[in-house]
Amino acid sequence: MGVPWIITFSCLCPVAWISSANDGIMTHDSATGYLNASDGFVTKMAKTQVGSFYEQLDCGARAFDLRPRCHLHGKDTPRVTMHHAEVDIEYPLQAALKDIIDWSKANPSEFVMVGLSHHTPNNTRCREAVSGITKDLGLMPSIGSSSGQPCGALERMTMREAKQAAALDGGGYVFMIEASDDTCVAENYVPDIRCYNSTSPHEGSCYTKDSPQWYNYANNQLFDYIQKMAASTTERNSSQLQMNQAHWQYDFEVYEGVDARHSSLIMDEYFSQVNRRLTDIIDGFPYLNLLEVDNVCNYGPSLLKSVRSRQEKLSSGRRQSQHQQGLLYRALRRIKRCRSVEGGRLDIGGRFLKATYGILLTCLSATGDALDAALEHLGILMVELVKAIAWPFKWIFPTPEIIQTFKGRPLAMVLPIIFVCNIIMLLYIVYVFCVMPLLGVSLSSFSSIGFHLCSLLAMVSYYKAVVTDPGKIPEDLWSSPSPAGPPPPHLYERKGKDGSI
């Protein structure tokens, strides 16, 4: 028997429990954020996140896919780091968990989950070493581990009990759980959801339309899977959390496509805009548990906002429904008391009022849905009206191309461009107003004209460099379109049950 998708206040309801904390974004292969961005090929093919666990939390993450690696040396205490398949991440597990604890203490109302899986080697000694680290840090015993509660405890656990178990001494909540298919999390891994054509990786991708057939196929595969996982069904294991892997999957066959397009795993997500497109559809998900993404710092805050907006809408709808039902229930109770006084004469009237009560409930529910739909259409109408009013002004005063190019980029990504432009402008001013007068060179001289032409060429070349898609060489360098959204971050990858790349 399955469990309900919508969280109740009395039960944790495993398949929706993380939503009850208003958070459901899990970072895929979270520890790859600690990989050095200058590691070349390894980074391109293994790195799925940018930044430490602290930074990923700032970007909207509230759950982590953490894979410990134990370095066993005789009888000494194992040194524990992390990994992504065969790629070692030489950052101590203890320091990474400390990043999460520090963030949680700084944000004490937030609920954070850490999912442990793919222990390497997968033996008792390694698991005990990981448990020892979490215990030393004051974290709860992992659900599903030998020292923690069994996975079945999730069926009965309320959100209050989860917070009590996860509470930190200095404030905040960090919930530890074993997160593999054979423990407390169903990973729902589908290897065929690929950004590149496995038979001809260099010929098609999920983000360029030079091969429309593969582009459409790849994107339909991914978003059909996401929608299927977000659908309400009763076929789920009630003692497991459910993972929705909203990212591309990779193996050695398709790495040829990554290399052929001078891309990376993180840039594949950026160019295909998976996270941005998720923000548009989360609100309509009937079910949301662990939404696992790559490159969380690309649209992560928007994803978190969408998740919380969806949860607030569900919660307010339940509160309104419960209030309406409470009013009608109290009215019915009064009628029943009257029946006990009047005897059997009100039997027919009582049955009539019960039927009326049912009809009223149905009408109230339908009225609420109709009102929501009307408000939504009114909002769309107002937006279109504003666009119509603003259109003549946009036609008369078109937005310059350079503003169109950079308006969607965060300030931190635009600052280096501004810095370089300032240096070029400073050199120009020094030469024109200082060097030329000292040398007695006029503005109309050959030297002056040559300098101005070189300056113009440098500015145009730099502008084309920052707006050109680095994933491929454009067909027309002087008229190539600017990429949509923020500039490329760093790099990224996939996840399989067996931990292989």
Protein backbone atom coordinates (compact mmCIF):
# COMPACT_ATOMS: atom_id res chain seq x y z
CA MET A 1 0.00 0.00 0.00
CA GLY A 2 1.38 3.41 -0.90
CA VAL A 3 1.30 6.54 1.19
CA PRO A 4 -0.31 9.91 0.43
CA TRP A 5 1.70 12.43 -1.54
CA ILE A 6 0.69 15.47 0.45
CA ILE A 7 2.25 15.87 3.88
CA THR A 8 0.01 15.95 6.90
CA PHE A 9 0.85 17.59 10.17
CA SER A 10 0.53 14.37 12.14
CA CYS A 11 2.71 12.12 9.97
CA LEU A 12 6.03 12.54 8.20
CA CYS A 13 4.73 10.59 5.16
CA PRO A 14 8.12 9.51 3.72
CA VAL A 15 7.39 10.22 0.08
CA ALA A 16 6.75 13.87 0.85
CA TRP A 17 8.54 14.46 4.11
CA ILE A 18 11.26 16.82 2.87
CA SER A 19 8.54 19.06 1.42
CA SER A 20 7.11 19.44 4.87
CA ALA A 21 10.27 21.34 5.72
CA ASN A 22 9.56 23.53 2.66
CA ASP A 23 12.71 22.23 0.98
CA GLY A 24 13.32 19.50 -1.57
CA ILE A 25 16.43 20.37 -3.62
CA MET A 26 19.22 17.78 -3.47
CA THR A 27 22.60 18.32 -5.13
CA HIS A 28 23.87 15.45 -7.28
CA ASP A 29 27.38 14.24 -6.34
CA SER A 30 27.56 17.15 -3.95
CA ALA A 31 31.23 16.71 -2.98
CA THR A 32 32.44 17.48 -6.51
CA GLY A 33 32.02 21.12 -5.55
CA TYR A 34 35.34 20.69 -3.73
CA LEU A 35 37.18 19.59 -6.90
CA ASN A 36 39.72 22.07 -8.16
CA ALA A 37 38.36 23.84 -11.26
CA SER A 38 41.82 23.65 -12.87
CA ASP A 39 41.98 19.84 -12.91
CA GLY A 40 41.30 19.80 -16.65
CA PHE A 41 39.79 16.60 -18.04
CA VAL A 42 38.84 15.24 -14.60
CA THR A 43 36.90 18.37 -13.77
CA LYS A 44 35.10 18.44 -17.12
CA MET A 45 33.92 14.84 -16.79
CA ALA A 46 33.27 14.54 -13.04
CA LYS A 47 32.38 17.92 -11.51
CA THR A 48 28.64 18.44 -11.08
CA GLN A 49 28.57 21.28 -8.53
CA VAL A 50 30.31 24.60 -7.96
CA GLY A 51 31.37 25.57 -4.46
CA SER A 52 31.55 24.08 -0.97
CA PHE A 53 28.58 22.63 0.91
CA TYR A 54 28.18 26.01 2.62
CA GLU A 55 27.99 27.75 -0.77
CA GLN A 56 25.60 25.13 -2.19
CA LEU A 57 23.27 25.74 0.77
CA ASP A 58 23.42 29.46 0.03
CA CYS A 59 22.43 28.61 -3.56
CA GLY A 60 19.27 26.79 -2.41
CA ALA A 61 20.37 23.20 -1.72
CA ARG A 62 18.76 21.54 1.30
CA ALA A 63 19.87 17.92 0.79
CA PHE A 64 23.20 16.35 -0.15
CA ASP A 65 24.27 13.28 -2.11
CA LEU A 66 27.44 12.46 -0.15
CA ARG A 67 29.72 9.51 -1.03
CA PRO A 68 32.45 8.65 1.51
CA ARG A 69 35.79 7.06 0.58
CA CYS A 70 37.85 5.41 3.34
CA HIS A 71 41.63 5.20 2.96
CA LEU A 72 42.54 2.11 4.99
CA HIS A 73 46.11 1.82 6.29
CA GLY A 74 46.64 -1.29 8.39
CA LYS A 75 45.00 -1.02 11.76
CA ASP A 76 45.20 2.77 11.86
CA THR A 77 42.01 4.83 11.92
CA PRO A 78 40.94 5.25 8.28
CA ARG A 79 41.29 8.64 6.65
CA VAL A 80 37.87 9.50 5.21
CA THR A 81 37.42 11.77 2.20
CA MET A 82 34.78 11.67 -0.57
CA HIS A 83 34.54 10.49 -4.17
CA HIS A 84 32.60 10.49 -7.40
CA ALA A 85 33.01 7.00 -8.84
CA GLU A 86 36.75 6.54 -9.45
CA VAL A 87 37.55 10.22 -8.93
CA ASP A 88 38.97 10.95 -5.47
CA ILE A 89 37.93 14.22 -3.85
CA GLU A 90 40.77 14.99 -1.49
CA TYR A 91 38.73 16.97 0.99
CA PRO A 92 38.11 15.54 4.47
CA LEU A 93 34.59 14.31 5.14
CA GLN A 94 34.74 15.86 8.60
CA ALA A 95 35.54 19.32 7.20
CA ALA A 96 32.73 19.04 4.63
CA LEU A 97 30.18 18.10 7.31
CA LYS A 98 31.50 20.97 9.43
CA ASP A 99 30.60 23.34 6.57
CA ILE A 100 26.99 22.08 6.76
CA ILE A 101 26.91 22.41 10.55
CA ASP A 102 28.28 25.98 10.42
CA TRP A 103 25.64 26.98 7.86
CA SER A 104 22.85 25.33 9.87
CA LYS A 105 23.84 27.18 13.03
CA ALA A 106 23.79 30.44 11.05
CA ASN A 107 20.34 29.51 9.67
CA PRO A 108 18.68 27.74 12.64
CA SER A 109 15.18 27.51 11.14
CA GLU A 110 16.35 25.52 8.09
CA PHE A 111 16.12 21.71 7.83
CA VAL A 112 19.06 20.05 6.00
CA MET A 113 19.41 16.41 4.98
CA VAL A 114 22.65 14.50 4.33
CA GLY A 115 22.29 11.27 2.35
CA LEU A 116 25.20 8.82 2.70
CA SER A 117 25.73 6.28 -0.10
CA HIS A 118 28.34 4.51 -2.25
CA HIS A 119 30.72 3.89 0.69
CA THR A 120 34.10 2.89 -0.77
CA PRO A 121 35.05 0.27 0.25
CA ASN A 122 31.58 -0.87 1.24
CA ASN A 123 32.51 -2.71 4.42
CA THR A 124 31.89 -2.51 8.15
CA ARG A 125 35.18 -0.78 8.92
CA CYS A 126 34.50 2.08 6.50
CA ARG A 127 30.92 2.54 7.71
CA GLU A 128 32.07 2.58 11.33
CA ALA A 129 34.69 5.22 10.48
CA VAL A 130 32.00 7.42 8.90
CA SER A 131 29.68 6.89 11.91
CA GLY A 132 32.53 7.84 14.24
CA ILE A 133 33.04 11.15 12.41
CA THR A 134 29.34 12.05 12.51
CA LYS A 135 29.19 11.16 16.23
CA ASP A 136 32.24 13.33 17.01
CA LEU A 137 30.54 16.26 15.25
CA GLY A 138 27.39 15.84 17.34
CA LEU A 139 25.24 14.62 14.43
CA MET A 140 22.45 12.07 14.82
CA PRO A 141 23.02 8.36 13.97
CA SER A 142 22.13 7.88 10.31
CA ILE A 143 18.64 6.45 9.66
CA GLY A 144 19.13 3.01 8.11
CA SER A 145 22.61 2.47 9.57
CA SER A 146 23.52 -0.16 12.16
CA SER A 147 23.61 2.49 14.89
CA GLY A 148 20.46 4.37 13.84
CA GLN A 149 16.77 3.68 13.45
CA PRO A 150 15.64 1.38 10.61
CA CYS A 151 14.26 2.83 7.39
CA GLY A 152 10.79 1.68 8.44
CA ALA A 153 10.83 4.37 11.13
CA LEU A 154 10.14 6.93 8.39
CA GLU A 155 6.60 5.57 8.01
CA ARG A 156 5.69 6.65 11.54
CA MET A 157 7.98 9.66 12.00
CA THR A 158 6.39 13.11 12.33
CA MET A 159 8.20 16.26 11.25
CA ARG A 160 8.51 17.27 14.90
CA GLU A 161 10.24 13.97 15.69
CA ALA A 162 12.56 14.38 12.70
CA LYS A 163 13.59 17.83 13.93
CA GLN A 164 14.11 16.54 17.47
CA ALA A 165 16.43 13.83 16.14
CA ALA A 166 18.30 16.22 13.82
CA ALA A 167 18.65 19.17 16.26
CA LEU A 168 22.17 20.56 16.73
CA ASP A 169 23.48 21.90 20.04
CA GLY A 170 24.10 25.36 18.58
CA GLY A 171 20.84 25.53 16.62
CA GLY A 172 19.74 24.18 13.25
CA TYR A 173 18.78 20.72 12.00
CA VAL A 174 20.94 18.19 10.09
CA PHE A 175 19.11 14.94 9.33
CA MET A 176 21.40 11.98 8.48
CA ILE A 177 20.12 9.09 6.35
CA GLU A 178 21.46 6.12 4.35
CA ALA A 179 20.56 7.11 0.78
CA SER A 180 20.93 4.12 -1.55
CA ASP A 181 18.40 1.85 -3.27
CA ASP A 182 18.92 -0.95 -0.75
CA THR A 183 18.42 1.34 2.26
CA CYS A 184 16.21 4.41 2.78
CA VAL A 185 16.18 6.23 -0.60
CA ALA A 186 14.89 4.98 -3.96
CA GLU A 187 17.29 6.56 -6.47
CA ASN A 188 15.08 5.93 -9.54
CA TYR A 189 18.12 5.95 -11.83
CA VAL A 190 17.44 5.78 -15.60
CA PRO A 191 20.75 5.53 -17.54
CA ASP A 192 19.28 6.34 -20.98
CA ILE A 193 18.56 10.00 -20.19
CA ARG A 194 21.58 11.44 -21.98
CA CYS A 195 22.56 14.84 -23.31
CA TYR A 196 24.45 13.26 -26.24
CA ASN A 197 23.59 10.56 -28.79
CA SER A 198 25.35 7.42 -27.53
CA THR A 199 25.78 6.01 -31.06
CA SER A 200 27.12 9.29 -32.53
CA PRO A 201 28.03 11.50 -29.53
CA HIS A 202 29.65 14.21 -31.66
CA GLU A 203 26.57 14.68 -33.87
CA GLY A 204 23.80 15.71 -31.48
CA SER A 205 23.37 17.37 -28.11
CA CYS A 206 20.64 18.41 -25.71
CA TYR A 207 21.30 22.14 -26.13
CA THR A 208 22.04 22.79 -29.82
CA LYS A 209 19.44 22.52 -32.55
CA ASP A 210 21.87 21.62 -35.35
CA SER A 211 20.45 18.10 -34.90
CA PRO A 212 16.75 18.82 -34.11
CA GLN A 213 15.75 15.17 -33.92
CA TRP A 214 18.21 14.36 -31.11
CA TYR A 215 17.66 17.72 -29.38
CA ASN A 216 13.91 17.05 -29.13
CA TYR A 217 14.38 13.38 -28.20
CA ALA A 218 16.89 14.09 -25.41
CA ASN A 219 14.84 16.87 -23.82
CA ASN A 220 11.59 14.92 -24.08
CA GLN A 221 13.27 11.93 -22.42
CA LEU A 222 14.46 14.00 -19.45
CA PHE A 223 11.32 16.03 -18.82
CA ASP A 224 8.99 13.07 -19.39
CA TYR A 225 10.94 11.24 -16.67
CA ILE A 226 10.77 14.24 -14.33
CA GLN A 227 7.00 14.57 -14.84
CA LYS A 228 6.50 10.83 -14.36
CA MET A 229 8.42 10.87 -11.09
CA ALA A 230 6.41 13.91 -9.98
CA ALA A 231 3.10 12.19 -10.74
CA SER A 232 0.93 10.88 -7.91
CA THR A 233 0.99 7.07 -7.78
CA THR A 234 0.62 4.38 -5.11
CA GLU A 235 3.48 2.19 -6.28
CA ARG A 236 6.14 3.56 -3.95
CA ASN A 237 7.84 1.94 -0.99
CA SER A 238 6.52 3.71 2.09
CA SER A 239 9.79 3.21 4.01
CA GLN A 240 11.91 4.97 1.38
CA LEU A 241 12.29 8.57 0.28
CA GLN A 242 11.97 9.08 -3.48
CA MET A 243 14.62 10.74 -5.63
CA ASN A 244 13.74 12.57 -8.86
CA GLN A 245 17.02 12.80 -10.81
CA ALA A 246 16.44 16.02 -12.75
CA HIS A 247 19.76 15.98 -14.59
CA TRP A 248 21.56 14.32 -17.51
CA GLN A 249 23.18 10.89 -17.16
CA TYR A 250 26.64 10.05 -18.50
CA ASP A 251 28.97 7.16 -19.27
CA PHE A 252 32.23 6.79 -21.19
CA GLU A 253 30.40 6.51 -24.53
CA VAL A 254 28.97 10.02 -24.39
CA TYR A 255 32.07 11.76 -23.00
CA GLU A 256 33.15 11.98 -26.63
CA GLY A 257 30.28 14.41 -27.16
CA VAL A 258 31.33 16.53 -24.19
CA ASP A 259 34.88 16.75 -25.51
CA ALA A 260 33.83 17.34 -29.14
CA ARG A 261 31.82 20.43 -28.16
CA HIS A 262 34.48 21.76 -25.75
CA SER A 263 31.87 21.53 -23.01
CA SER A 264 31.67 19.94 -19.54
CA LEU A 265 29.01 18.42 -17.35
CA ILE A 266 28.24 21.71 -15.64
CA MET A 267 28.15 23.63 -18.91
CA ASP A 268 25.81 21.00 -20.39
CA GLU A 269 23.30 21.87 -17.65
CA TYR A 270 23.89 25.58 -18.19
CA PHE A 271 23.40 25.47 -21.97
CA SER A 272 20.40 23.10 -21.83
CA GLN A 273 18.89 25.28 -19.04
CA VAL A 274 17.46 22.32 -17.11
CA ASN A 275 17.29 24.16 -13.79
CA ARG A 276 15.68 27.26 -15.30
CA ARG A 277 13.02 25.15 -17.01
CA LEU A 278 12.34 23.30 -13.75
CA THR A 279 11.36 26.58 -12.07
CA ASP A 280 8.48 26.88 -14.56
CA ILE A 281 6.95 23.46 -13.86
CA ILE A 282 7.55 22.73 -10.15
CA ASP A 283 4.34 24.49 -9.15
CA GLY A 284 2.31 21.86 -11.02
CA PHE A 285 3.99 18.79 -9.49
CA PRO A 286 1.44 16.61 -7.62
CA TYR A 287 4.34 15.04 -5.70
CA LEU A 288 7.72 16.42 -4.69
CA ASN A 289 10.28 14.65 -2.50
CA LEU A 290 14.02 14.81 -3.29
CA LEU A 291 14.54 16.82 -6.50
CA GLU A 292 18.17 16.11 -7.41
CA VAL A 293 19.92 18.63 -9.68
CA ASP A 294 23.34 19.42 -11.11
CA ASN A 295 24.93 22.85 -10.92
CA VAL A 296 22.61 24.07 -8.15
CA CYS A 297 24.12 27.56 -8.17
CA ASN A 298 22.59 28.07 -11.63
CA TYR A 299 18.99 29.08 -10.80
CA GLY A 300 19.15 27.34 -7.40
CA PRO A 301 17.59 30.26 -5.49
CA SER A 302 14.75 30.35 -8.04
CA LEU A 303 14.25 26.59 -7.66
CA LEU A 304 14.04 26.94 -3.88
CA LYS A 305 11.56 29.81 -4.24
CA SER A 306 9.38 27.69 -6.57
CA VAL A 307 9.47 24.71 -4.19
CA ARG A 308 8.44 26.86 -1.22
CA SER A 309 5.74 28.66 -3.21
CA ARG A 310 4.27 25.29 -4.17
CA GLN A 311 4.36 24.07 -0.56
CA GLU A 312 2.77 27.26 0.74
CA LYS A 313 -0.03 26.96 -1.82
CA LEU A 314 -0.69 23.36 -0.74
CA SER A 315 -0.61 24.29 2.95
CA SER A 316 -2.96 27.28 2.56
CA GLY A 317 -5.37 25.17 0.54
CA ARG A 318 -5.44 22.52 3.26
CA ARG A 319 -5.95 25.11 6.00
CA GLN A 320 -8.84 26.73 4.11
CA SER A 321 -10.45 23.35 3.40
CA GLN A 322 -10.08 22.26 7.03
CA HIS A 323 -11.61 25.53 8.25
CA GLN A 324 -14.62 25.21 5.92
CA GLN A 325 -15.16 21.59 6.88
CA GLY A 326 -14.89 22.53 10.57
CA LEU A 327 -17.65 25.14 10.25
CA LEU A 328 -19.97 22.73 8.48
CA TYR A 329 -19.16 19.95 10.94
CA ARG A 330 -20.06 22.14 13.93
CA ALA A 331 -23.33 23.12 12.24
CA LEU A 332 -24.13 19.44 11.66
CA ARG A 333 -23.39 18.64 15.31
CA ARG A 334 -25.91 21.26 16.41
CA ILE A 335 -28.49 19.72 14.07
CA LYS A 336 -27.82 16.28 15.55
CA ARG A 337 -28.38 17.63 19.05
CA CYS A 338 -31.72 19.01 17.88
CA ARG A 339 -32.59 15.58 16.50
CA SER A 340 -31.95 13.96 19.87
CA VAL A 341 -34.42 16.39 21.46
CA GLU A 342 -37.11 16.15 18.80
CA GLY A 343 -36.85 12.38 18.43
CA GLY A 344 -37.55 10.57 15.21
CA ARG A 345 -39.53 13.38 13.61
CA LEU A 346 -36.36 14.98 12.27
CA ASP A 347 -34.93 11.78 10.76
CA ILE A 348 -35.91 12.80 7.24
CA GLY A 349 -34.68 16.37 7.82
CA GLY A 350 -31.39 15.05 9.21
CA ARG A 351 -30.75 12.92 6.15
CA PHE A 352 -31.60 15.89 3.96
CA LEU A 353 -29.12 18.11 5.83
CA LYS A 354 -26.40 15.45 5.59
CA ALA A 355 -26.89 15.36 1.83
CA THR A 356 -26.83 19.18 1.76
CA TYR A 357 -23.60 19.11 3.77
CA GLY A 358 -21.96 16.88 1.16
CA ILE A 359 -23.15 19.10 -1.68
CA LEU A 360 -21.84 22.22 0.08
CA LEU A 361 -18.41 20.63 0.52
CA THR A 362 -18.27 19.83 -3.19
CA CYS A 363 -19.38 23.34 -4.15
CA LEU A 364 -16.86 24.99 -1.83
CA SER A 365 -14.03 22.93 -3.31
CA ALA A 366 -15.13 23.70 -6.88
CA THR A 367 -15.55 27.40 -6.05
CA GLY A 368 -12.01 27.57 -4.67
CA ASP A 369 -10.57 25.93 -7.80
CA ALA A 370 -12.58 28.22 -10.07
CA LEU A 371 -11.45 31.30 -8.13
CA ASP A 372 -7.80 30.22 -8.36
CA ALA A 373 -8.15 29.72 -12.13
CA ALA A 374 -9.89 33.11 -12.55
CA LEU A 375 -7.15 34.92 -10.60
CA GLU A 376 -4.46 33.17 -12.65
CA HIS A 377 -6.09 34.20 -15.94
CA LEU A 378 -6.56 37.76 -14.63
CA GLY A 379 -2.85 37.92 -13.79
CA ILE A 380 -1.93 36.70 -17.29
CA LEU A 381 -4.28 39.29 -18.82
CA MET A 382 -2.68 42.11 -16.79
CA VAL A 383 0.83 41.04 -17.86
CA GLU A 384 -0.21 40.97 -21.53
CA LEU A 385 -1.88 44.39 -21.13
CA VAL A 386 1.32 45.90 -19.71
CA LYS A 387 3.30 44.36 -22.58
CA ALA A 388 0.88 45.84 -25.11
CA ILE A 389 1.13 49.31 -23.54
CA ALA A 390 4.94 49.13 -23.38
CA TRP A 391 5.39 47.85 -26.96
CA PRO A 392 5.40 51.27 -28.75
CA PHE A 393 8.06 52.55 -26.35
CA LYS A 394 10.22 49.48 -26.92
CA TRP A 395 9.86 49.96 -30.69
CA ILE A 396 10.79 53.67 -30.51
CA PHE A 397 13.60 53.15 -27.97
CA PRO A 398 15.01 49.63 -28.61
CA THR A 399 17.26 48.14 -25.93
CA PRO A 400 20.92 48.21 -27.04
CA GLU A 401 22.35 44.76 -27.83
CA ILE A 402 25.03 45.01 -25.15
CA ILE A 403 22.38 45.57 -22.44
CA GLN A 404 20.36 42.61 -23.75
CA THR A 405 23.49 40.49 -23.52
CA PHE A 406 24.42 41.25 -19.92
CA LYS A 407 21.14 42.13 -18.20
CA GLY A 408 20.49 38.57 -16.98
CA ARG A 409 23.96 37.99 -15.56
CA PRO A 410 24.76 38.25 -11.82
CA LEU A 411 26.91 41.20 -10.75
CA ALA A 412 29.76 38.88 -9.68
CA MET A 413 30.04 37.58 -13.26
CA VAL A 414 29.90 41.05 -14.87
CA LEU A 415 32.51 42.69 -12.58
CA PRO A 416 35.55 41.10 -14.34
CA ILE A 417 34.25 42.42 -17.68
CA ILE A 418 33.83 45.92 -16.22
CA PHE A 419 37.33 45.67 -14.72
CA VAL A 420 38.93 44.84 -18.08
CA CYS A 421 36.98 47.62 -19.82
CA ASN A 422 38.19 50.11 -17.20
CA ILE A 423 41.80 49.06 -17.80
CA ILE A 424 41.43 49.58 -21.58
CA MET A 425 39.76 52.97 -21.01
CA LEU A 426 42.48 54.03 -18.56
CA LEU A 427 45.21 53.15 -21.08
CA TYR A 428 43.35 55.10 -23.76
CA ILE A 429 43.00 58.22 -21.57
CA VAL A 430 46.67 58.12 -20.48
CA TYR A 431 47.86 57.84 -24.09
CA VAL A 432 45.55 60.53 -25.54
CA PHE A 433 45.82 63.13 -22.76
CA CYS A 434 49.34 62.49 -21.44
CA VAL A 435 51.61 60.66 -23.90
CA MET A 436 50.43 62.32 -27.12
CA PRO A 437 50.79 65.94 -25.81
CA LEU A 438 54.26 65.13 -24.42
CA LEU A 439 55.38 63.69 -27.77
CA GLY A 440 53.68 66.44 -29.74
CA VAL A 441 51.51 63.97 -31.68
CA SER A 442 48.29 65.41 -33.14
CA LEU A 443 44.96 63.56 -33.23
CA SER A 444 45.04 63.52 -37.05
CA SER A 445 48.51 61.96 -37.26
CA PHE A 446 49.15 58.41 -38.55
CA SER A 447 50.22 57.24 -35.08
CA SER A 448 47.03 58.56 -33.49
CA ILE A 449 44.79 56.98 -36.13
CA GLY A 450 46.61 53.63 -35.77
CA PHE A 451 46.27 53.72 -31.98
CA HIS A 452 42.53 54.46 -32.18
CA LEU A 453 41.99 51.64 -34.66
CA CYS A 454 43.86 49.19 -32.39
CA SER A 455 41.83 50.34 -29.38
CA LEU A 456 38.57 49.85 -31.28
CA LEU A 457 39.67 46.38 -32.46
CA ALA A 458 40.58 45.40 -28.87
CA MET A 459 37.17 46.48 -27.53
CA VAL A 460 35.23 44.73 -30.32
CA SER A 461 37.28 41.53 -29.93
CA TYR A 462 36.80 41.48 -26.17
CA TYR A 463 33.05 42.08 -26.54
CA LYS A 464 32.70 39.22 -29.03
CA ALA A 465 34.74 36.97 -26.72
CA VAL A 466 32.45 37.44 -23.71
CA VAL A 467 29.21 36.91 -25.65
CA THR A 468 30.30 33.96 -27.85
CA ASP A 469 29.03 30.49 -26.84
CA PRO A 470 32.18 28.59 -25.71
CA GLY A 471 30.45 25.23 -26.43
CA LYS A 472 31.13 25.57 -30.19
CA ILE A 473 32.64 27.89 -32.77
CA PRO A 474 29.82 30.09 -34.21
CA GLU A 475 29.21 30.01 -37.93
CA ASP A 476 29.40 33.81 -38.18
CA LEU A 477 31.74 35.29 -35.61
CA TRP A 478 30.52 38.86 -36.19
CA SER A 479 26.80 38.18 -35.84
CA SER A 480 26.58 35.18 -33.49
CA PRO A 481 23.73 35.49 -30.97
CA SER A 482 24.44 36.05 -27.32
CA PRO A 483 23.80 33.03 -25.03
CA ALA A 484 20.67 33.21 -22.91
CA GLY A 485 20.89 33.53 -19.18
CA PRO A 486 23.98 33.90 -16.97
CA PRO A 487 27.51 33.09 -18.27
CA PRO A 488 28.84 29.52 -18.04
CA PRO A 489 29.77 28.48 -14.52
CA HIS A 490 32.29 25.63 -14.05
CA LEU A 491 31.69 21.93 -14.97
CA TYR A 492 29.59 18.63 -14.41
CA GLU A 493 28.34 14.84 -14.76
CA ARG A 494 25.98 11.87 -13.81
CA LYS A 495 25.15 9.24 -11.22
CA GLY A 496 24.65 5.48 -11.41
CA LYS A 497 23.61 2.94 -8.81
CA ASP A 498 27.02 1.27 -8.89
CA GLY A 499 28.89 4.57 -8.58
CA SER A 500 30.46 4.30 -12.05
CA ILE A 501 30.95 7.38 -14.20
